[in-house]
N, C-alpha and C. Protein backbone atom coordinates (compact mmCIF):
# COMPACT_ATOMS: atom_id res chain seq x y z
N UNK A 1 29.40 -14.96 27.80
CA UNK A 1 29.55 -15.83 26.65
C UNK A 1 29.43 -17.30 27.06
N UNK A 2 29.97 -17.64 28.21
CA UNK A 2 29.93 -19.03 28.64
C UNK A 2 28.53 -19.53 28.90
N UNK A 3 27.74 -18.75 29.62
CA UNK A 3 26.39 -19.21 29.94
C UNK A 3 25.52 -19.30 28.68
N UNK A 4 25.67 -18.36 27.78
CA UNK A 4 24.91 -18.44 26.53
C UNK A 4 25.36 -19.63 25.69
N UNK A 5 26.65 -19.88 25.65
CA UNK A 5 27.15 -21.02 24.89
C UNK A 5 26.63 -22.34 25.45
N UNK A 6 26.56 -22.43 26.76
CA UNK A 6 25.99 -23.62 27.39
C UNK A 6 24.54 -23.78 26.96
N UNK A 7 23.79 -22.70 27.03
CA UNK A 7 22.37 -22.76 26.64
C UNK A 7 22.21 -23.16 25.18
N UNK A 8 23.00 -22.56 24.29
CA UNK A 8 22.90 -22.90 22.86
C UNK A 8 23.23 -24.37 22.63
N UNK A 9 24.31 -24.84 23.23
CA UNK A 9 24.71 -26.24 23.04
C UNK A 9 23.64 -27.19 23.57
N UNK A 10 23.06 -26.86 24.71
CA UNK A 10 22.01 -27.71 25.28
C UNK A 10 20.78 -27.72 24.38
N UNK A 11 20.40 -26.53 23.88
CA UNK A 11 19.26 -26.46 22.96
C UNK A 11 19.50 -27.27 21.69
N UNK A 12 20.77 -27.38 21.28
CA UNK A 12 21.12 -28.15 20.09
C UNK A 12 21.19 -29.65 20.37
N UNK A 13 21.02 -30.05 21.64
CA UNK A 13 20.99 -31.46 21.98
C UNK A 13 22.30 -32.05 22.45
N UNK A 14 23.29 -31.24 22.72
CA UNK A 14 24.58 -31.74 23.15
C UNK A 14 24.62 -31.97 24.66
N UNK A 15 25.48 -32.90 25.07
CA UNK A 15 25.85 -33.02 26.47
C UNK A 15 26.90 -31.95 26.71
N UNK A 16 26.71 -31.14 27.74
CA UNK A 16 27.58 -29.98 27.96
C UNK A 16 28.42 -30.20 29.21
N UNK A 17 29.73 -30.00 29.03
CA UNK A 17 30.70 -30.09 30.12
C UNK A 17 31.29 -28.70 30.29
N UNK A 18 31.35 -28.22 31.52
CA UNK A 18 31.87 -26.88 31.75
C UNK A 18 32.73 -26.86 33.01
N UNK A 19 33.52 -25.81 33.14
CA UNK A 19 34.28 -25.58 34.36
C UNK A 19 33.98 -24.17 34.86
N UNK A 20 34.11 -23.99 36.15
CA UNK A 20 33.93 -22.67 36.76
C UNK A 20 34.41 -22.76 38.21
N UNK A 21 34.23 -21.67 38.93
CA UNK A 21 34.48 -21.72 40.37
C UNK A 21 33.22 -22.27 41.02
N UNK A 22 33.33 -22.95 42.15
CA UNK A 22 32.17 -23.58 42.79
C UNK A 22 30.97 -22.64 43.02
N UNK A 23 31.14 -21.37 43.36
CA UNK A 23 29.96 -20.53 43.57
C UNK A 23 29.07 -20.40 42.33
N UNK A 24 29.60 -20.70 41.13
CA UNK A 24 28.82 -20.58 39.90
C UNK A 24 28.29 -21.91 39.38
N UNK A 25 28.51 -23.00 40.10
CA UNK A 25 28.04 -24.30 39.64
C UNK A 25 26.53 -24.30 39.37
N UNK A 26 25.74 -23.81 40.30
CA UNK A 26 24.28 -23.82 40.13
C UNK A 26 23.85 -22.98 38.94
N UNK A 27 24.51 -21.86 38.73
CA UNK A 27 24.19 -21.01 37.58
C UNK A 27 24.42 -21.77 36.28
N UNK A 28 25.56 -22.44 36.15
CA UNK A 28 25.86 -23.16 34.91
C UNK A 28 24.93 -24.35 34.72
N UNK A 29 24.57 -25.01 35.80
CA UNK A 29 23.59 -26.11 35.69
C UNK A 29 22.23 -25.57 35.25
N UNK A 30 21.85 -24.39 35.75
CA UNK A 30 20.58 -23.77 35.34
C UNK A 30 20.61 -23.40 33.86
N UNK A 31 21.80 -23.11 33.34
CA UNK A 31 21.94 -22.79 31.92
C UNK A 31 21.91 -24.05 31.06
N UNK A 32 22.06 -25.23 31.67
CA UNK A 32 21.97 -26.47 30.92
C UNK A 32 23.18 -27.37 31.00
N UNK A 33 24.22 -26.99 31.72
CA UNK A 33 25.41 -27.84 31.79
C UNK A 33 25.08 -29.17 32.47
N UNK A 34 25.53 -30.25 31.85
CA UNK A 34 25.32 -31.58 32.41
C UNK A 34 26.38 -31.91 33.45
N UNK A 35 27.58 -31.43 33.23
CA UNK A 35 28.71 -31.65 34.14
C UNK A 35 29.38 -30.30 34.37
N UNK A 36 29.66 -29.99 35.62
CA UNK A 36 30.38 -28.76 35.96
C UNK A 36 31.50 -29.14 36.93
N UNK A 37 32.71 -28.73 36.58
CA UNK A 37 33.88 -29.05 37.38
C UNK A 37 34.54 -27.77 37.86
N UNK A 38 35.21 -27.86 38.98
CA UNK A 38 35.95 -26.75 39.55
C UNK A 38 37.22 -26.54 38.72
N UNK A 39 37.33 -25.37 38.08
CA UNK A 39 38.48 -25.13 37.21
C UNK A 39 39.80 -25.09 37.95
N UNK A 40 39.78 -24.94 39.28
CA UNK A 40 41.04 -24.89 40.04
C UNK A 40 41.38 -26.22 40.72
N UNK A 41 40.53 -27.21 40.57
CA UNK A 41 40.76 -28.52 41.19
C UNK A 41 41.73 -29.33 40.32
N UNK A 42 42.83 -29.82 40.86
CA UNK A 42 43.80 -30.57 40.06
C UNK A 42 43.24 -31.89 39.50
N UNK A 43 42.14 -32.39 40.03
CA UNK A 43 41.57 -33.64 39.51
C UNK A 43 40.61 -33.41 38.34
N UNK A 44 40.34 -32.14 38.02
CA UNK A 44 39.37 -31.83 36.96
C UNK A 44 39.78 -32.38 35.60
N UNK A 45 41.05 -32.23 35.23
CA UNK A 45 41.49 -32.71 33.92
C UNK A 45 41.19 -34.19 33.76
N UNK A 46 41.52 -34.98 34.77
CA UNK A 46 41.26 -36.42 34.70
C UNK A 46 39.77 -36.74 34.67
N UNK A 47 38.98 -36.00 35.45
CA UNK A 47 37.53 -36.23 35.46
C UNK A 47 36.92 -35.93 34.09
N UNK A 48 37.40 -34.90 33.45
CA UNK A 48 36.89 -34.59 32.11
C UNK A 48 37.37 -35.63 31.11
N UNK A 49 38.64 -36.05 31.23
CA UNK A 49 39.14 -37.11 30.34
C UNK A 49 38.30 -38.38 30.47
N UNK A 50 37.78 -38.66 31.65
CA UNK A 50 36.93 -39.84 31.85
C UNK A 50 35.63 -39.76 31.06
N UNK A 51 35.27 -38.56 30.60
CA UNK A 51 34.03 -38.38 29.82
C UNK A 51 34.27 -38.49 28.31
N UNK A 52 35.51 -38.73 27.88
CA UNK A 52 35.80 -38.84 26.45
C UNK A 52 34.93 -39.90 25.81
N UNK A 53 34.57 -39.82 24.55
CA UNK A 53 35.01 -38.80 23.61
C UNK A 53 34.20 -37.51 23.76
N UNK A 54 34.88 -36.41 23.51
CA UNK A 54 34.25 -35.09 23.51
C UNK A 54 34.42 -34.54 22.10
N UNK A 55 33.30 -34.21 21.47
CA UNK A 55 33.32 -33.81 20.06
C UNK A 55 33.76 -32.38 19.81
N UNK A 56 33.38 -31.46 20.68
CA UNK A 56 33.64 -30.05 20.43
C UNK A 56 34.23 -29.39 21.67
N UNK A 57 35.16 -28.49 21.45
CA UNK A 57 35.81 -27.73 22.52
C UNK A 57 35.63 -26.26 22.21
N UNK A 58 35.06 -25.52 23.14
CA UNK A 58 34.86 -24.08 22.96
C UNK A 58 35.30 -23.39 24.24
N UNK A 59 36.34 -22.58 24.13
CA UNK A 59 36.88 -21.88 25.29
C UNK A 59 36.33 -20.45 25.29
N UNK A 60 35.38 -20.19 26.17
CA UNK A 60 34.74 -18.87 26.20
C UNK A 60 35.51 -17.86 27.05
N UNK A 61 36.60 -18.28 27.64
CA UNK A 61 37.49 -17.36 28.35
C UNK A 61 38.64 -16.98 27.41
N UNK A 62 39.27 -17.99 26.84
CA UNK A 62 40.32 -17.81 25.84
C UNK A 62 41.51 -16.99 26.34
N UNK A 63 41.94 -17.27 27.53
CA UNK A 63 43.16 -16.71 28.08
C UNK A 63 44.13 -17.86 28.33
N UNK A 64 45.38 -17.55 28.58
CA UNK A 64 46.39 -18.59 28.74
C UNK A 64 45.99 -19.67 29.75
N UNK A 65 45.47 -19.31 30.95
CA UNK A 65 45.11 -20.38 31.90
C UNK A 65 44.00 -21.31 31.39
N UNK A 66 43.00 -20.77 30.71
CA UNK A 66 41.90 -21.64 30.25
C UNK A 66 42.34 -22.53 29.09
N UNK A 67 43.12 -21.98 28.17
CA UNK A 67 43.62 -22.80 27.06
C UNK A 67 44.60 -23.85 27.59
N UNK A 68 45.44 -23.47 28.55
CA UNK A 68 46.39 -24.42 29.14
C UNK A 68 45.67 -25.58 29.81
N UNK A 69 44.54 -25.29 30.45
CA UNK A 69 43.75 -26.36 31.09
C UNK A 69 43.24 -27.34 30.04
N UNK A 70 42.72 -26.81 28.94
CA UNK A 70 42.23 -27.70 27.87
C UNK A 70 43.38 -28.54 27.33
N UNK A 71 44.54 -27.91 27.14
CA UNK A 71 45.69 -28.66 26.63
C UNK A 71 46.13 -29.75 27.62
N UNK A 72 46.01 -29.49 28.92
CA UNK A 72 46.38 -30.52 29.90
C UNK A 72 45.40 -31.69 29.86
N UNK A 73 44.19 -31.44 29.43
CA UNK A 73 43.20 -32.52 29.28
C UNK A 73 43.50 -33.33 28.02
N UNK A 74 43.80 -32.62 26.93
CA UNK A 74 44.01 -33.27 25.64
C UNK A 74 45.40 -33.89 25.50
N UNK A 75 46.37 -33.32 26.18
CA UNK A 75 47.75 -33.78 26.02
C UNK A 75 48.43 -33.93 27.38
N UNK A 76 47.95 -34.88 28.20
CA UNK A 76 48.60 -35.07 29.50
C UNK A 76 50.03 -35.58 29.31
N UNK A 77 50.87 -35.30 30.26
CA UNK A 77 52.28 -35.67 30.12
C UNK A 77 52.49 -37.19 30.09
N UNK A 78 51.57 -37.96 30.63
CA UNK A 78 51.77 -39.41 30.72
C UNK A 78 50.87 -40.23 29.79
N UNK A 79 50.30 -39.58 28.77
CA UNK A 79 49.38 -40.29 27.88
C UNK A 79 49.45 -39.69 26.48
N UNK A 80 48.95 -40.43 25.49
CA UNK A 80 48.95 -39.89 24.13
C UNK A 80 48.03 -38.66 24.01
N UNK A 81 48.30 -37.86 23.00
CA UNK A 81 47.50 -36.68 22.72
C UNK A 81 46.17 -37.10 22.12
N UNK A 82 45.10 -36.48 22.57
CA UNK A 82 43.77 -36.69 21.98
C UNK A 82 43.58 -35.61 20.93
N UNK A 83 43.36 -36.02 19.70
CA UNK A 83 43.18 -35.06 18.61
C UNK A 83 41.92 -34.25 18.86
N UNK A 84 42.01 -32.93 18.64
CA UNK A 84 40.86 -32.07 18.87
C UNK A 84 41.07 -30.72 18.19
N UNK A 85 39.97 -30.05 17.99
CA UNK A 85 39.98 -28.67 17.51
C UNK A 85 39.32 -27.82 18.60
N UNK A 86 40.01 -26.78 19.04
CA UNK A 86 39.51 -25.89 20.08
C UNK A 86 39.13 -24.57 19.43
N UNK A 87 37.90 -24.16 19.63
CA UNK A 87 37.45 -22.86 19.15
C UNK A 87 37.64 -21.85 20.27
N UNK A 88 38.28 -20.73 19.98
CA UNK A 88 38.56 -19.71 20.99
C UNK A 88 37.98 -18.37 20.57
N UNK A 89 37.83 -17.48 21.54
CA UNK A 89 37.25 -16.15 21.29
C UNK A 89 38.28 -15.09 20.92
N UNK A 90 39.54 -15.38 21.16
CA UNK A 90 40.61 -14.43 20.86
C UNK A 90 41.64 -15.09 19.96
N UNK A 91 42.34 -14.31 19.14
CA UNK A 91 43.43 -14.91 18.35
C UNK A 91 44.47 -15.51 19.30
N UNK A 92 45.01 -16.68 18.97
CA UNK A 92 45.97 -17.34 19.86
C UNK A 92 47.15 -16.45 20.27
N UNK A 93 47.58 -15.57 19.42
CA UNK A 93 48.70 -14.71 19.77
C UNK A 93 48.37 -13.86 21.00
N UNK A 94 47.08 -13.57 21.25
CA UNK A 94 46.69 -12.73 22.38
C UNK A 94 46.80 -13.46 23.72
N UNK A 95 46.71 -14.80 23.71
CA UNK A 95 46.85 -15.50 24.99
C UNK A 95 48.22 -16.13 25.14
N UNK A 96 49.11 -15.89 24.19
CA UNK A 96 50.52 -16.22 24.38
C UNK A 96 50.92 -17.66 24.21
N UNK A 97 50.07 -18.48 23.63
CA UNK A 97 50.48 -19.86 23.34
C UNK A 97 50.56 -19.97 21.82
N UNK A 98 51.74 -20.27 21.32
CA UNK A 98 51.91 -20.29 19.87
C UNK A 98 52.15 -21.68 19.31
N UNK A 99 52.48 -22.63 20.18
CA UNK A 99 52.69 -24.00 19.73
C UNK A 99 51.74 -24.93 20.47
N UNK A 100 51.17 -25.85 19.70
CA UNK A 100 50.19 -26.78 20.25
C UNK A 100 50.63 -28.21 19.93
N UNK A 101 50.22 -29.15 20.76
CA UNK A 101 50.60 -30.55 20.50
C UNK A 101 50.10 -30.99 19.12
N UNK A 102 50.85 -31.88 18.51
CA UNK A 102 50.45 -32.39 17.20
C UNK A 102 49.07 -33.04 17.32
N UNK A 103 48.17 -32.66 16.44
CA UNK A 103 46.80 -33.19 16.46
C UNK A 103 45.81 -32.27 17.16
N UNK A 104 46.30 -31.22 17.80
CA UNK A 104 45.43 -30.24 18.45
C UNK A 104 45.51 -28.93 17.67
N UNK A 105 44.39 -28.48 17.18
CA UNK A 105 44.35 -27.20 16.46
C UNK A 105 43.51 -26.22 17.26
N UNK A 106 43.82 -24.96 17.09
CA UNK A 106 43.11 -23.88 17.76
C UNK A 106 42.63 -22.92 16.68
N UNK A 107 41.36 -22.57 16.74
CA UNK A 107 40.78 -21.70 15.72
C UNK A 107 40.07 -20.51 16.35
N UNK A 108 40.29 -19.37 15.73
CA UNK A 108 39.59 -18.15 16.07
C UNK A 108 38.89 -17.70 14.80
N UNK A 109 37.58 -17.46 14.88
CA UNK A 109 36.82 -16.99 13.73
C UNK A 109 36.25 -15.61 14.03
N UNK A 110 36.56 -14.67 13.20
CA UNK A 110 35.94 -13.36 13.33
C UNK A 110 34.62 -13.41 12.58
N UNK A 111 33.57 -13.00 13.23
CA UNK A 111 32.24 -13.07 12.63
C UNK A 111 31.60 -11.69 12.67
N UNK A 112 31.13 -11.23 11.53
CA UNK A 112 30.49 -9.92 11.47
C UNK A 112 29.05 -10.06 11.01
N UNK A 113 28.14 -9.48 11.77
CA UNK A 113 26.73 -9.50 11.35
C UNK A 113 26.50 -8.56 10.18
N UNK A 114 27.47 -7.72 9.87
CA UNK A 114 27.33 -6.77 8.77
C UNK A 114 27.82 -7.31 7.44
N UNK A 115 28.47 -8.47 7.44
CA UNK A 115 28.96 -9.06 6.21
C UNK A 115 27.81 -9.63 5.40
N UNK A 116 27.78 -9.36 4.10
CA UNK A 116 26.68 -9.86 3.26
C UNK A 116 26.48 -11.37 3.36
N UNK A 117 27.55 -12.13 3.50
CA UNK A 117 27.41 -13.59 3.57
C UNK A 117 26.74 -14.06 4.85
N UNK A 118 26.61 -13.18 5.84
CA UNK A 118 25.96 -13.54 7.10
C UNK A 118 24.55 -12.95 7.23
N UNK A 119 24.03 -12.37 6.18
CA UNK A 119 22.72 -11.70 6.24
C UNK A 119 21.60 -12.66 6.64
N UNK A 120 21.57 -13.85 6.06
CA UNK A 120 20.50 -14.81 6.41
C UNK A 120 20.60 -15.23 7.87
N UNK A 121 21.81 -15.50 8.33
CA UNK A 121 22.00 -15.87 9.73
C UNK A 121 21.56 -14.73 10.62
N UNK A 122 21.95 -13.53 10.31
CA UNK A 122 21.59 -12.35 11.11
C UNK A 122 20.07 -12.23 11.20
N UNK A 123 19.39 -12.39 10.10
CA UNK A 123 17.92 -12.28 10.07
C UNK A 123 17.29 -13.38 10.94
N UNK A 124 17.73 -14.61 10.77
CA UNK A 124 17.18 -15.73 11.54
C UNK A 124 17.45 -15.59 13.03
N UNK A 125 18.67 -15.23 13.37
CA UNK A 125 19.10 -15.30 14.76
C UNK A 125 18.85 -14.02 15.55
N UNK A 126 19.19 -12.87 14.98
CA UNK A 126 19.20 -11.63 15.75
C UNK A 126 18.05 -10.68 15.48
N UNK A 127 17.39 -10.80 14.36
CA UNK A 127 16.35 -9.84 14.00
C UNK A 127 15.15 -9.93 14.95
N UNK A 128 14.39 -8.86 15.04
CA UNK A 128 13.18 -8.85 15.84
C UNK A 128 12.30 -10.03 15.44
N UNK A 129 11.88 -10.81 16.42
CA UNK A 129 11.09 -12.01 16.15
C UNK A 129 11.93 -13.22 15.79
N UNK A 130 13.25 -13.08 15.84
CA UNK A 130 14.15 -14.17 15.49
C UNK A 130 14.38 -15.12 16.66
N UNK A 131 15.29 -16.06 16.43
CA UNK A 131 15.57 -17.09 17.42
C UNK A 131 15.91 -16.52 18.79
N UNK A 132 16.84 -15.56 18.82
CA UNK A 132 17.30 -15.04 20.10
C UNK A 132 16.17 -14.41 20.91
N UNK A 133 15.38 -13.57 20.29
CA UNK A 133 14.26 -12.93 21.00
C UNK A 133 13.26 -13.98 21.49
N UNK A 134 12.92 -14.92 20.63
CA UNK A 134 11.95 -15.94 21.02
C UNK A 134 12.47 -16.86 22.12
N UNK A 135 13.77 -17.19 22.06
CA UNK A 135 14.34 -18.06 23.10
C UNK A 135 14.39 -17.36 24.45
N UNK A 136 14.69 -16.08 24.44
CA UNK A 136 14.70 -15.33 25.71
C UNK A 136 13.29 -15.21 26.26
N UNK A 137 12.35 -14.82 25.42
CA UNK A 137 10.96 -14.67 25.87
C UNK A 137 10.37 -16.00 26.32
N UNK A 138 10.73 -17.08 25.63
CA UNK A 138 10.19 -18.39 25.95
C UNK A 138 10.88 -19.07 27.12
N UNK A 139 11.97 -18.50 27.59
CA UNK A 139 12.67 -19.06 28.74
C UNK A 139 13.59 -20.22 28.42
N UNK A 140 13.82 -20.52 27.14
CA UNK A 140 14.70 -21.64 26.82
C UNK A 140 16.16 -21.24 26.74
N UNK A 141 16.44 -19.96 26.81
CA UNK A 141 17.81 -19.47 26.77
C UNK A 141 18.12 -18.79 28.09
N UNK A 142 19.12 -19.30 28.77
CA UNK A 142 19.50 -18.77 30.07
C UNK A 142 20.81 -18.00 29.94
N UNK A 143 20.94 -16.95 30.69
CA UNK A 143 22.18 -16.18 30.73
C UNK A 143 22.43 -15.77 32.17
N UNK A 144 23.57 -15.18 32.40
CA UNK A 144 23.87 -14.72 33.74
C UNK A 144 23.00 -13.52 34.06
N UNK A 145 22.63 -13.35 35.32
CA UNK A 145 21.78 -12.22 35.69
C UNK A 145 22.53 -10.90 35.56
N UNK A 146 21.79 -9.86 35.24
CA UNK A 146 22.37 -8.53 35.14
C UNK A 146 22.23 -7.80 36.47
N UNK A 147 23.25 -7.07 36.82
CA UNK A 147 23.21 -6.20 37.99
C UNK A 147 23.30 -4.77 37.47
N UNK A 148 22.19 -4.07 37.49
CA UNK A 148 22.13 -2.71 36.97
C UNK A 148 22.57 -1.75 38.07
N UNK A 149 23.65 -1.00 37.79
CA UNK A 149 24.20 -0.10 38.79
C UNK A 149 23.56 1.29 38.74
N UNK A 150 23.06 1.68 37.60
CA UNK A 150 22.47 3.02 37.46
C UNK A 150 22.89 3.66 36.16
N UNK A 151 22.88 5.00 36.17
CA UNK A 151 23.22 5.77 34.97
C UNK A 151 24.71 5.99 34.84
N UNK A 152 25.06 6.98 34.02
CA UNK A 152 26.46 7.26 33.73
C UNK A 152 27.27 7.60 34.98
N UNK A 153 26.61 8.14 35.99
CA UNK A 153 27.33 8.44 37.23
C UNK A 153 27.87 7.17 37.89
N UNK A 154 27.37 6.02 37.49
CA UNK A 154 27.80 4.73 38.07
C UNK A 154 28.96 4.10 37.33
N UNK A 155 29.44 4.72 36.26
CA UNK A 155 30.53 4.13 35.48
C UNK A 155 31.76 3.87 36.34
N UNK A 156 32.23 4.83 37.16
CA UNK A 156 33.42 4.52 37.98
C UNK A 156 33.22 3.32 38.89
N UNK A 157 32.04 3.20 39.50
CA UNK A 157 31.75 2.05 40.35
C UNK A 157 31.76 0.76 39.53
N UNK A 158 31.18 0.82 38.34
CA UNK A 158 31.15 -0.36 37.48
C UNK A 158 32.55 -0.80 37.06
N UNK A 159 33.40 0.17 36.71
CA UNK A 159 34.78 -0.16 36.33
C UNK A 159 35.51 -0.77 37.52
N UNK A 160 35.32 -0.22 38.69
CA UNK A 160 35.96 -0.75 39.88
C UNK A 160 35.50 -2.18 40.17
N UNK A 161 34.21 -2.43 40.02
CA UNK A 161 33.66 -3.77 40.28
C UNK A 161 34.23 -4.79 39.29
N UNK A 162 34.32 -4.40 38.01
CA UNK A 162 34.89 -5.30 37.01
C UNK A 162 36.36 -5.54 37.30
N UNK A 163 37.07 -4.48 37.66
CA UNK A 163 38.50 -4.60 37.97
C UNK A 163 38.72 -5.54 39.17
N UNK A 164 37.85 -5.47 40.15
CA UNK A 164 37.96 -6.33 41.33
C UNK A 164 37.61 -7.78 41.03
N UNK A 165 36.91 -8.01 39.93
CA UNK A 165 36.54 -9.36 39.53
C UNK A 165 35.05 -9.60 39.68
N UNK A 166 34.39 -9.84 38.57
CA UNK A 166 32.96 -10.12 38.56
C UNK A 166 32.78 -11.55 38.04
N UNK A 167 31.96 -12.31 38.70
CA UNK A 167 31.73 -13.68 38.29
C UNK A 167 30.27 -14.03 38.48
N UNK A 168 29.68 -14.64 37.46
CA UNK A 168 28.30 -15.10 37.58
C UNK A 168 27.26 -14.02 37.40
N UNK A 169 27.66 -12.84 36.94
CA UNK A 169 26.69 -11.77 36.67
C UNK A 169 27.34 -10.76 35.74
N UNK A 170 26.50 -9.96 35.10
CA UNK A 170 26.97 -8.89 34.22
C UNK A 170 26.70 -7.57 34.91
N UNK A 171 27.65 -6.68 34.83
CA UNK A 171 27.48 -5.33 35.36
C UNK A 171 26.94 -4.47 34.23
N UNK A 172 25.83 -3.79 34.49
CA UNK A 172 25.16 -3.00 33.45
C UNK A 172 25.03 -1.55 33.90
N UNK A 173 25.34 -0.66 32.97
CA UNK A 173 25.13 0.77 33.17
C UNK A 173 24.03 1.19 32.19
N UNK A 174 23.01 1.86 32.68
CA UNK A 174 21.94 2.37 31.82
C UNK A 174 22.20 3.87 31.63
N UNK A 175 22.76 4.26 30.48
CA UNK A 175 23.20 5.64 30.30
C UNK A 175 22.11 6.69 30.50
N UNK A 176 20.87 6.36 30.22
CA UNK A 176 19.83 7.38 30.28
C UNK A 176 19.03 7.36 31.57
N UNK A 177 19.41 6.50 32.49
CA UNK A 177 18.67 6.52 33.76
C UNK A 177 19.21 7.66 34.61
N UNK A 178 18.36 8.23 35.41
CA UNK A 178 18.80 9.33 36.27
C UNK A 178 18.91 8.85 37.71
N UNK A 179 19.80 9.51 38.45
CA UNK A 179 20.03 9.09 39.83
C UNK A 179 18.81 9.25 40.71
């Protein structure tokens, strides 16, 4: 989700700021990020604050540590709160933060491609010959590389790899491939 979001934002003309672990810096820059910071570096919050104003906040991890990092940027203990709206992928109750500084809102939007009100968007974006297909074929949309493990016999290995932690790539199982 993060790499695609970076690509979409860059295609829309935005300056993109992202965080990750250092081994993924080049991947995020290839996706279009203008600035990439180490999410575990204690100086990151200040470095991002130096880039203010920032118009949009989108947390593609949406877990307590990632939301807490954004809050430390927007509401440092020694400075006024910067008003912002943070878009998250999970309902806030799932990451365990229920109170936010005054002026900071957090939003989760459930979006269904099957809802009648989204039919035009679905046709434009996802349908055969739509934006997504053309952007992938044209090379203007970057995503993390896929690592194909094999067929269904590879599911235990895939689960183990995800459990151990996967970063900078997607683990893919092709159900109909044979060993």
